[in-house]
């Protein structure tokens, strides 16, 4: 479910920006230039796939301690990127359409139409690169075929919702969706933070101090059933280390508080 949610959210962000570009061209009666937007989308998808392949090839050979360090650092980077993305989208959503409209007007009037392709390319490749990093941090490869299936389903669900937003934006509660999804993403980021710390502790780069603080394995095992689901979506750890536990319960409440505070302004 965390894999589905990541690809859904990332694809939706890219899709909304592309939809805005298409809508602005329509409002300017310049629909004949939409080919440039779709060219940028296609190039962004291709570059994202190439990045995913390179990422897998370059990082797939780590074993032992090197693998633990790689996974730990990757999870911390993913945590930082998710947190930045959530807060960036919260701030930019208020002025995103106005800014894009001004840029598109300037592009159409100056006839530098290649910039339309560049705008849509940047929207797609930015989310594509982030998706690759997030999915690797969530161990999509270890999930097997079911993990990739949910990744594809997330993309398809986002495309369907983007079409619904484009043709009937007044009926789709986009603002409410982004608020709820932002909360869930911050909780996922907290799980990646805690898991990254555990990996670096296993590699000997961080002190352990105390592990486990408690052991819930007999009651709710993280390797099966509900425990496995909670681990994948929220970073549940049945036998956490002290540092990882403290980091999780400092990060999640404070990030959610700052996020909610910014939403109410």
C-alpha atoms as a PDB file:
ATOM      1  CA  UNK A   1       0.000   0.000   0.000  1.00  0.00           C
ATOM      2  CA  UNK A   2       2.860   2.410   0.667  1.00  0.00           C
ATOM      3  CA  UNK A   3       4.223   1.633  -2.816  1.00  0.00           C
ATOM      4  CA  UNK A   4       0.791   2.290  -4.331  1.00  0.00           C
ATOM      5  CA  UNK A   5       0.429   5.522  -2.370  1.00  0.00           C
ATOM      6  CA  UNK A   6       3.860   6.854  -3.367  1.00  0.00           C
ATOM      7  CA  UNK A   7       3.365   6.273  -7.115  1.00  0.00           C
ATOM      8  CA  UNK A   8      -0.206   7.591  -6.889  1.00  0.00           C
ATOM      9  CA  UNK A   9       0.782  10.817  -5.150  1.00  0.00           C
ATOM     10  CA  UNK A  10       3.864  11.482  -7.298  1.00  0.00           C
ATOM     11  CA  UNK A  11       2.023  10.770 -10.564  1.00  0.00           C
ATOM     12  CA  UNK A  12      -0.877  12.940  -9.439  1.00  0.00           C
ATOM     13  CA  UNK A  13       1.388  15.913  -8.766  1.00  0.00           C
ATOM     14  CA  UNK A  14       2.949  15.651 -12.222  1.00  0.00           C
ATOM     15  CA  UNK A  15      -0.469  15.100 -13.800  1.00  0.00           C
ATOM     16  CA  UNK A  16      -1.994  18.155 -12.145  1.00  0.00           C
ATOM     17  CA  UNK A  17       0.800  20.406 -13.442  1.00  0.00           C
ATOM     18  CA  UNK A  18       0.455  18.966 -16.965  1.00  0.00           C
ATOM     19  CA  UNK A  19      -3.317  19.404 -16.709  1.00  0.00           C
ATOM     20  CA  UNK A  20      -2.841  23.030 -15.687  1.00  0.00           C
ATOM     21  CA  UNK A  21      -0.598  23.636 -18.701  1.00  0.00           C
ATOM     22  CA  UNK A  22      -3.213  22.102 -21.023  1.00  0.00           C
ATOM     23  CA  UNK A  23      -5.992  24.135 -19.396  1.00  0.00           C
ATOM     24  CA  UNK A  24      -4.030  27.386 -19.689  1.00  0.00           C
ATOM     25  CA  UNK A  25      -3.385  26.763 -23.387  1.00  0.00           C
ATOM     26  CA  UNK A  26      -7.086  26.151 -23.869  1.00  0.00           C
ATOM     27  CA  UNK A  27      -7.931  29.397 -22.062  1.00  0.00           C
ATOM     28  CA  UNK A  28      -5.468  31.244 -24.325  1.00  0.00           C
ATOM     29  CA  UNK A  29      -7.023  29.606 -27.436  1.00  0.00           C
ATOM     30  CA  UNK A  30      -3.614  28.087 -28.223  1.00  0.00           C
ATOM     31  CA  UNK A  31      -4.569  24.387 -28.192  1.00  0.00           C
ATOM     32  CA  UNK A  32      -2.532  23.879 -31.373  1.00  0.00           C
ATOM     33  CA  UNK A  33       0.598  23.975 -29.231  1.00  0.00           C
ATOM     34  CA  UNK A  34      -0.368  21.027 -26.956  1.00  0.00           C
ATOM     35  CA  UNK A  35       1.987  18.751 -28.908  1.00  0.00           C
ATOM     36  CA  UNK A  36       4.914  20.477 -27.185  1.00  0.00           C
ATOM     37  CA  UNK A  37       3.482  19.621 -23.758  1.00  0.00           C
ATOM     38  CA  UNK A  38       3.015  15.963 -24.692  1.00  0.00           C
ATOM     39  CA  UNK A  39       6.535  15.839 -26.134  1.00  0.00           C
ATOM     40  CA  UNK A  40       7.869  17.008 -22.770  1.00  0.00           C
ATOM     41  CA  UNK A  41       5.739  14.422 -20.942  1.00  0.00           C
ATOM     42  CA  UNK A  42       7.021  11.596 -23.177  1.00  0.00           C
ATOM     43  CA  UNK A  43      10.645  12.674 -22.733  1.00  0.00           C
ATOM     44  CA  UNK A  44      10.164  12.945 -18.972  1.00  0.00           C
ATOM     45  CA  UNK A  45       8.769   9.391 -18.785  1.00  0.00           C
ATOM     46  CA  UNK A  46      11.662   8.010 -20.874  1.00  0.00           C
ATOM     47  CA  UNK A  47      14.276   9.804 -18.745  1.00  0.00           C
ATOM     48  CA  UNK A  48      12.603   8.585 -15.534  1.00  0.00           C
ATOM     49  CA  UNK A  49      12.745   4.981 -16.776  1.00  0.00           C
ATOM     50  CA  UNK A  50      16.423   5.408 -17.728  1.00  0.00           C
ATOM     51  CA  UNK A  51      17.154   6.862 -14.290  1.00  0.00           C
ATOM     52  CA  UNK A  52      15.402   3.895 -12.641  1.00  0.00           C
ATOM     53  CA  UNK A  53      17.504   1.461 -14.671  1.00  0.00           C
ATOM     54  CA  UNK A  54      20.769   3.258 -13.875  1.00  0.00           C
ATOM     55  CA  UNK A  55      19.823   3.517 -10.207  1.00  0.00           C
ATOM     56  CA  UNK A  56      19.151  -0.212 -10.042  1.00  0.00           C
ATOM     57  CA  UNK A  57      22.343  -1.137 -11.943  1.00  0.00           C
ATOM     58  CA  UNK A  58      24.628   1.107  -9.898  1.00  0.00           C
ATOM     59  CA  UNK A  59      23.103   0.315  -6.496  1.00  0.00           C
ATOM     60  CA  UNK A  60      22.150  -3.330  -7.003  1.00  0.00           C
ATOM     61  CA  UNK A  61      25.625  -4.704  -6.364  1.00  0.00           C
ATOM     62  CA  UNK A  62      25.962  -3.725  -2.689  1.00  0.00           C
ATOM     63  CA  UNK A  63      26.250  -6.590  -0.210  1.00  0.00           C
ATOM     64  CA  UNK A  64      26.884  -6.945   3.519  1.00  0.00           C
ATOM     65  CA  UNK A  65      27.845  -3.767   5.389  1.00  0.00           C
ATOM     66  CA  UNK A  66      27.919  -1.704   2.180  1.00  0.00           C
ATOM     67  CA  UNK A  67      24.300  -2.671   1.535  1.00  0.00           C
ATOM     68  CA  UNK A  68      23.287  -1.641   5.051  1.00  0.00           C
ATOM     69  CA  UNK A  69      24.999   1.739   4.639  1.00  0.00           C
ATOM     70  CA  UNK A  70      23.438   2.241   1.195  1.00  0.00           C
ATOM     71  CA  UNK A  71      19.937   1.366   2.415  1.00  0.00           C
ATOM     72  CA  UNK A  72      20.290   3.487   5.546  1.00  0.00           C
ATOM     73  CA  UNK A  73      21.457   6.566   3.641  1.00  0.00           C
ATOM     74  CA  UNK A  74      18.825   6.030   0.936  1.00  0.00           C
ATOM     75  CA  UNK A  75      16.038   5.872   3.516  1.00  0.00           C
ATOM     76  CA  UNK A  76      17.225   9.061   5.207  1.00  0.00           C
ATOM     77  CA  UNK A  77      17.439  10.825   1.826  1.00  0.00           C
ATOM     78  CA  UNK A  78      13.943   9.575   0.936  1.00  0.00           C
ATOM     79  CA  UNK A  79      12.638  10.842   4.280  1.00  0.00           C
ATOM     80  CA  UNK A  80      14.109  14.283   3.588  1.00  0.00           C
ATOM     81  CA  UNK A  81      12.753  14.393   0.024  1.00  0.00           C
ATOM     82  CA  UNK A  82       9.244  13.333   1.050  1.00  0.00           C
ATOM     83  CA  UNK A  83       9.176  15.948   3.805  1.00  0.00           C
ATOM     84  CA  UNK A  84      10.413  18.657   1.436  1.00  0.00           C
ATOM     85  CA  UNK A  85       7.902  17.612  -1.231  1.00  0.00           C
ATOM     86  CA  UNK A  86       4.948  17.764   1.169  1.00  0.00           C
ATOM     87  CA  UNK A  87       5.806  21.214   2.500  1.00  0.00           C
ATOM     88  CA  UNK A  88       6.808  22.517  -0.965  1.00  0.00           C
ATOM     89  CA  UNK A  89       3.474  21.436  -2.433  1.00  0.00           C
ATOM     90  CA  UNK A  90       1.590  22.985   0.461  1.00  0.00           C
ATOM     91  CA  UNK A  91       3.196  26.380  -0.188  1.00  0.00           C
ATOM     92  CA  UNK A  92       3.302  26.295  -3.989  1.00  0.00           C
ATOM     93  CA  UNK A  93      -0.270  25.032  -4.451  1.00  0.00           C
ATOM     94  CA  UNK A  94      -1.588  28.476  -3.535  1.00  0.00           C
ATOM     95  CA  UNK A  95       0.185  30.260  -6.403  1.00  0.00           C
ATOM     96  CA  UNK A  96       1.081  27.417  -8.785  1.00  0.00           C
ATOM     97  CA  UNK A  97      -1.618  28.039 -11.383  1.00  0.00           C
ATOM     98  CA  UNK A  98      -1.046  31.805 -11.416  1.00  0.00           C
ATOM     99  CA  UNK A  99       2.703  31.341 -11.894  1.00  0.00           C
ATOM    100  CA  UNK A 100       2.245  28.770 -14.662  1.00  0.00           C
ATOM    101  CA  UNK A 101      -0.286  30.973 -16.455  1.00  0.00           C
ATOM    102  CA  UNK A 102       2.155  33.883 -16.510  1.00  0.00           C
ATOM    103  CA  UNK A 103       4.941  31.639 -17.845  1.00  0.00           C
ATOM    104  CA  UNK A 104       2.755  30.097 -20.565  1.00  0.00           C
ATOM    105  CA  UNK A 105       1.517  33.516 -21.683  1.00  0.00           C
ATOM    106  CA  UNK A 106       5.106  34.703 -22.070  1.00  0.00           C
ATOM    107  CA  UNK A 107       6.078  31.530 -23.949  1.00  0.00           C
ATOM    108  CA  UNK A 108       3.176  31.766 -26.396  1.00  0.00           C
ATOM    109  CA  UNK A 109       3.656  35.497 -27.023  1.00  0.00           C
ATOM    110  CA  UNK A 110       7.412  35.139 -27.577  1.00  0.00           C
ATOM    111  CA  UNK A 111       6.928  31.927 -29.630  1.00  0.00           C
ATOM    112  CA  UNK A 112       9.578  30.041 -27.604  1.00  0.00           C
ATOM    113  CA  UNK A 113       7.316  27.006 -27.689  1.00  0.00           C
ATOM    114  CA  UNK A 114      10.074  24.559 -26.773  1.00  0.00           C
ATOM    115  CA  UNK A 115       9.708  25.977 -23.259  1.00  0.00           C
ATOM    116  CA  UNK A 116       6.272  24.329 -23.031  1.00  0.00           C
ATOM    117  CA  UNK A 117       7.976  20.973 -23.544  1.00  0.00           C
ATOM    118  CA  UNK A 118      10.583  21.940 -20.954  1.00  0.00           C
ATOM    119  CA  UNK A 119       7.935  22.821 -18.346  1.00  0.00           C
ATOM    120  CA  UNK A 120       6.057  19.535 -18.762  1.00  0.00           C
ATOM    121  CA  UNK A 121       9.357  17.607 -18.921  1.00  0.00           C
ATOM    122  CA  UNK A 122      10.501  19.111 -15.606  1.00  0.00           C
ATOM    123  CA  UNK A 123       7.159  18.301 -13.962  1.00  0.00           C
ATOM    124  CA  UNK A 124       7.320  14.653 -15.025  1.00  0.00           C
ATOM    125  CA  UNK A 125      11.039  13.949 -14.547  1.00  0.00           C
ATOM    126  CA  UNK A 126      11.110  15.589 -11.098  1.00  0.00           C
ATOM    127  CA  UNK A 127       8.345  13.321  -9.839  1.00  0.00           C
ATOM    128  CA  UNK A 128       9.835  10.365 -11.720  1.00  0.00           C
ATOM    129  CA  UNK A 129      13.242  10.699 -10.068  1.00  0.00           C
ATOM    130  CA  UNK A 130      11.646  11.116  -6.637  1.00  0.00           C
ATOM    131  CA  UNK A 131       9.478   8.034  -7.253  1.00  0.00           C
ATOM    132  CA  UNK A 132      12.532   5.926  -8.115  1.00  0.00           C
ATOM    133  CA  UNK A 133      14.296   6.993  -4.910  1.00  0.00           C
ATOM    134  CA  UNK A 134      11.210   6.432  -2.754  1.00  0.00           C
ATOM    135  CA  UNK A 135      10.454   2.998  -4.218  1.00  0.00           C
ATOM    136  CA  UNK A 136      14.034   1.859  -3.693  1.00  0.00           C
ATOM    137  CA  UNK A 137      13.896   3.092  -0.104  1.00  0.00           C
ATOM    138  CA  UNK A 138      10.669   1.083   0.348  1.00  0.00           C
ATOM    139  CA  UNK A 139      12.372  -2.051  -1.067  1.00  0.00           C
ATOM    140  CA  UNK A 140      10.043  -2.412  -4.043  1.00  0.00           C
ATOM    141  CA  UNK A 141      12.383  -5.074  -5.482  1.00  0.00           C
ATOM    142  CA  UNK A 142      11.943  -7.251  -2.391  1.00  0.00           C
ATOM    143  CA  UNK A 143       8.165  -6.996  -2.762  1.00  0.00           C
ATOM    144  CA  UNK A 144       8.354  -8.951  -6.014  1.00  0.00           C
ATOM    145  CA  UNK A 145       5.682  -8.824  -8.698  1.00  0.00           C
ATOM    146  CA  UNK A 146       3.008  -7.623  -6.268  1.00  0.00           C
ATOM    147  CA  UNK A 147       5.094  -4.541  -5.450  1.00  0.00           C
ATOM    148  CA  UNK A 148       5.461  -3.584  -9.106  1.00  0.00           C
ATOM    149  CA  UNK A 149       1.766  -4.298  -9.671  1.00  0.00           C
ATOM    150  CA  UNK A 150       0.776  -1.833  -6.945  1.00  0.00           C
ATOM    151  CA  UNK A 151       3.261   0.713  -8.336  1.00  0.00           C
ATOM    152  CA  UNK A 152       1.572   0.507 -11.752  1.00  0.00           C
ATOM    153  CA  UNK A 153      -1.889   0.619 -10.181  1.00  0.00           C
ATOM    154  CA  UNK A 154      -0.898   3.789  -8.338  1.00  0.00           C
ATOM    155  CA  UNK A 155       0.132   5.441 -11.610  1.00  0.00           C
ATOM    156  CA  UNK A 156      -3.068   4.344 -13.375  1.00  0.00           C
ATOM    157  CA  UNK A 157      -5.229   5.578 -10.487  1.00  0.00           C
ATOM    158  CA  UNK A 158      -3.480   8.959 -10.618  1.00  0.00           C
ATOM    159  CA  UNK A 159      -3.997   9.223 -14.386  1.00  0.00           C
ATOM    160  CA  UNK A 160      -7.706   8.442 -13.941  1.00  0.00           C
ATOM    161  CA  UNK A 161      -8.049  11.068 -11.208  1.00  0.00           C
ATOM    162  CA  UNK A 162      -6.155  13.644 -13.290  1.00  0.00           C
ATOM    163  CA  UNK A 163      -8.619  13.107 -16.140  1.00  0.00           C
ATOM    164  CA  UNK A 164     -11.470  13.593 -13.672  1.00  0.00           C
ATOM    165  CA  UNK A 165      -9.873  16.783 -12.340  1.00  0.00           C
ATOM    166  CA  UNK A 166      -9.294  18.151 -15.856  1.00  0.00           C
ATOM    167  CA  UNK A 167     -12.862  17.581 -17.014  1.00  0.00           C
ATOM    168  CA  UNK A 168     -14.657  18.264 -13.745  1.00  0.00           C
ATOM    169  CA  UNK A 169     -12.386  20.004 -11.258  1.00  0.00           C
ATOM    170  CA  UNK A 170     -15.293  21.446  -9.249  1.00  0.00           C
ATOM    171  CA  UNK A 171     -16.429  17.936  -8.324  1.00  0.00           C
ATOM    172  CA  UNK A 172     -13.045  16.673  -7.119  1.00  0.00           C
ATOM    173  CA  UNK A 173     -11.927  17.746  -3.580  1.00  0.00           C
ATOM    174  CA  UNK A 174      -8.277  18.219  -4.595  1.00  0.00           C
ATOM    175  CA  UNK A 175      -7.353  20.434  -1.636  1.00  0.00           C
ATOM    176  CA  UNK A 176      -8.723  17.933   0.897  1.00  0.00           C
ATOM    177  CA  UNK A 177      -6.977  15.064  -0.859  1.00  0.00           C
ATOM    178  CA  UNK A 178      -3.583  16.771  -0.796  1.00  0.00           C
ATOM    179  CA  UNK A 179      -4.003  17.599   2.883  1.00  0.00           C
ATOM    180  CA  UNK A 180      -4.806  13.997   3.844  1.00  0.00           C
ATOM    181  CA  UNK A 181      -2.122  12.554   1.574  1.00  0.00           C
ATOM    182  CA  UNK A 182       0.403  15.010   3.017  1.00  0.00           C
ATOM    183  CA  UNK A 183      -0.314  13.693   6.513  1.00  0.00           C
ATOM    184  CA  UNK A 184       0.115  10.068   5.395  1.00  0.00           C
ATOM    185  CA  UNK A 185       3.333  10.865   3.542  1.00  0.00           C
ATOM    186  CA  UNK A 186       4.849  12.484   6.634  1.00  0.00           C
ATOM    187  CA  UNK A 187       4.028   9.343   8.641  1.00  0.00           C
ATOM    188  CA  UNK A 188       5.651   7.218   5.906  1.00  0.00           C
ATOM    189  CA  UNK A 189       8.682   9.550   6.028  1.00  0.00           C
ATOM    190  CA  UNK A 190       8.896   8.983   9.784  1.00  0.00           C
ATOM    191  CA  UNK A 191       8.987   5.231   9.203  1.00  0.00           C
ATOM    192  CA  UNK A 192      11.797   5.636   6.657  1.00  0.00           C
ATOM    193  CA  UNK A 193      13.725   7.791   9.135  1.00  0.00           C
ATOM    194  CA  UNK A 194      13.490   5.139  11.855  1.00  0.00           C
ATOM    195  CA  UNK A 195      14.305   2.294   9.460  1.00  0.00           C
ATOM    196  CA  UNK A 196      17.287   4.224   8.045  1.00  0.00           C
ATOM    197  CA  UNK A 197      18.665   4.705  11.563  1.00  0.00           C
ATOM    198  CA  UNK A 198      18.351   0.962  12.247  1.00  0.00           C
ATOM    199  CA  UNK A 199      20.246   0.141   9.038  1.00  0.00           C
ATOM    200  CA  UNK A 200      23.069   2.540   9.955  1.00  0.00           C
ATOM    201  CA  UNK A 201      23.181   1.048  13.454  1.00  0.00           C
ATOM    202  CA  UNK A 202      23.532  -2.422  11.903  1.00  0.00           C
ATOM    203  CA  UNK A 203      26.412  -1.079   9.809  1.00  0.00           C
ATOM    204  CA  UNK A 204      28.103   0.286  12.950  1.00  0.00           C
ATOM    205  CA  UNK A 205      27.830   3.963  11.921  1.00  0.00           C
ATOM    206  CA  UNK A 206      25.419   4.880  14.713  1.00  0.00           C
ATOM    207  CA  UNK A 207      25.443   3.717  18.368  1.00  0.00           C
ATOM    208  CA  UNK A 208      22.711   1.322  19.455  1.00  0.00           C
ATOM    209  CA  UNK A 209      22.452   2.373  23.165  1.00  0.00           C
ATOM    210  CA  UNK A 210      19.413   0.147  23.734  1.00  0.00           C
ATOM    211  CA  UNK A 211      17.800  -2.458  21.492  1.00  0.00           C
ATOM    212  CA  UNK A 212      15.134  -3.544  21.818  1.00  0.00           C
ATOM    213  CA  UNK A 213      13.343  -0.992  23.961  1.00  0.00           C
ATOM    214  CA  UNK A 214      10.453  -3.483  23.962  1.00  0.00           C
ATOM    215  CA  UNK A 215       9.541  -6.570  21.941  1.00  0.00           C
ATOM    216  CA  UNK A 216       6.038  -6.914  20.469  1.00  0.00           C
ATOM    217  CA  UNK A 217       6.942  -9.750  18.090  1.00  0.00           C
ATOM    218  CA  UNK A 218       4.841 -12.325  19.902  1.00  0.00           C
ATOM    219  CA  UNK A 219       1.761 -10.081  19.854  1.00  0.00           C
ATOM    220  CA  UNK A 220       2.155  -8.248  16.512  1.00  0.00           C
ATOM    221  CA  UNK A 221       4.945  -9.607  14.329  1.00  0.00           C
ATOM    222  CA  UNK A 222       6.196  -7.119  11.716  1.00  0.00           C
ATOM    223  CA  UNK A 223       6.940  -9.918   9.242  1.00  0.00           C
ATOM    224  CA  UNK A 224       3.364 -11.113   8.712  1.00  0.00           C
ATOM    225  CA  UNK A 225      -0.270 -10.047   8.676  1.00  0.00           C
ATOM    226  CA  UNK A 226      -1.285  -6.696  10.149  1.00  0.00           C
ATOM    227  CA  UNK A 227       2.225  -6.083  11.496  1.00  0.00           C
ATOM    228  CA  UNK A 228       3.700  -6.398   8.011  1.00  0.00           C
ATOM    229  CA  UNK A 229       1.096  -3.962   6.675  1.00  0.00           C
ATOM    230  CA  UNK A 230       1.819  -1.458   9.456  1.00  0.00           C
ATOM    231  CA  UNK A 231       5.556  -1.751   8.818  1.00  0.00           C
ATOM    232  CA  UNK A 232       5.145  -1.100   5.093  1.00  0.00           C
ATOM    233  CA  UNK A 233       2.835   1.870   5.512  1.00  0.00           C
ATOM    234  CA  UNK A 234       3.839   3.472   8.816  1.00  0.00           C
ATOM    235  CA  UNK A 235       7.272   2.046   9.636  1.00  0.00           C
ATOM    236  CA  UNK A 236       6.084  -0.168  12.509  1.00  0.00           C
ATOM    237  CA  UNK A 237       8.939  -1.923  14.303  1.00  0.00           C
ATOM    238  CA  UNK A 238       8.102  -4.740  16.747  1.00  0.00           C
ATOM    239  CA  UNK A 239      11.453  -4.434  18.542  1.00  0.00           C
ATOM    240  CA  UNK A 240      12.833  -0.911  17.954  1.00  0.00           C
ATOM    241  CA  UNK A 241      16.101   0.609  19.089  1.00  0.00           C
ATOM    242  CA  UNK A 242      15.991   3.597  21.434  1.00  0.00           C
ATOM    243  CA  UNK A 243      17.402   6.111  18.936  1.00  0.00           C
ATOM    244  CA  UNK A 244      15.051   4.997  16.149  1.00  0.00           C
ATOM    245  CA  UNK A 245      12.037   5.128  18.470  1.00  0.00           C
ATOM    246  CA  UNK A 246      12.875   8.605  19.774  1.00  0.00           C
ATOM    247  CA  UNK A 247      13.551   9.886  16.238  1.00  0.00           C
ATOM    248  CA  UNK A 248      10.197   8.568  14.996  1.00  0.00           C
ATOM    249  CA  UNK A 249       8.170  10.058  17.844  1.00  0.00           C
ATOM    250  CA  UNK A 250       9.944  13.401  17.546  1.00  0.00           C
ATOM    251  CA  UNK A 251       9.716  13.628  13.766  1.00  0.00           C
ATOM    252  CA  UNK A 252       6.096  12.581  13.174  1.00  0.00           C
ATOM    253  CA  UNK A 253       4.269  14.776  15.741  1.00  0.00           C
ATOM    254  CA  UNK A 254       6.406  17.866  15.058  1.00  0.00           C
ATOM    255  CA  UNK A 255       6.227  17.570  11.257  1.00  0.00           C
ATOM    256  CA  UNK A 256       2.452  17.060  11.421  1.00  0.00           C
ATOM    257  CA  UNK A 257       2.110  20.052  13.745  1.00  0.00           C
ATOM    258  CA  UNK A 258       4.091  22.321  11.395  1.00  0.00           C
ATOM    259  CA  UNK A 259       2.153  20.988   8.407  1.00  0.00           C
ATOM    260  CA  UNK A 260      -1.223  21.602  10.045  1.00  0.00           C
ATOM    261  CA  UNK A 261      -0.101  25.027  11.265  1.00  0.00           C
ATOM    262  CA  UNK A 262       0.792  26.037   7.706  1.00  0.00           C
ATOM    263  CA  UNK A 263      -2.539  24.735   6.381  1.00  0.00           C
ATOM    264  CA  UNK A 264      -4.562  26.889   8.792  1.00  0.00           C
ATOM    265  CA  UNK A 265      -2.854  30.153   7.788  1.00  0.00           C
END
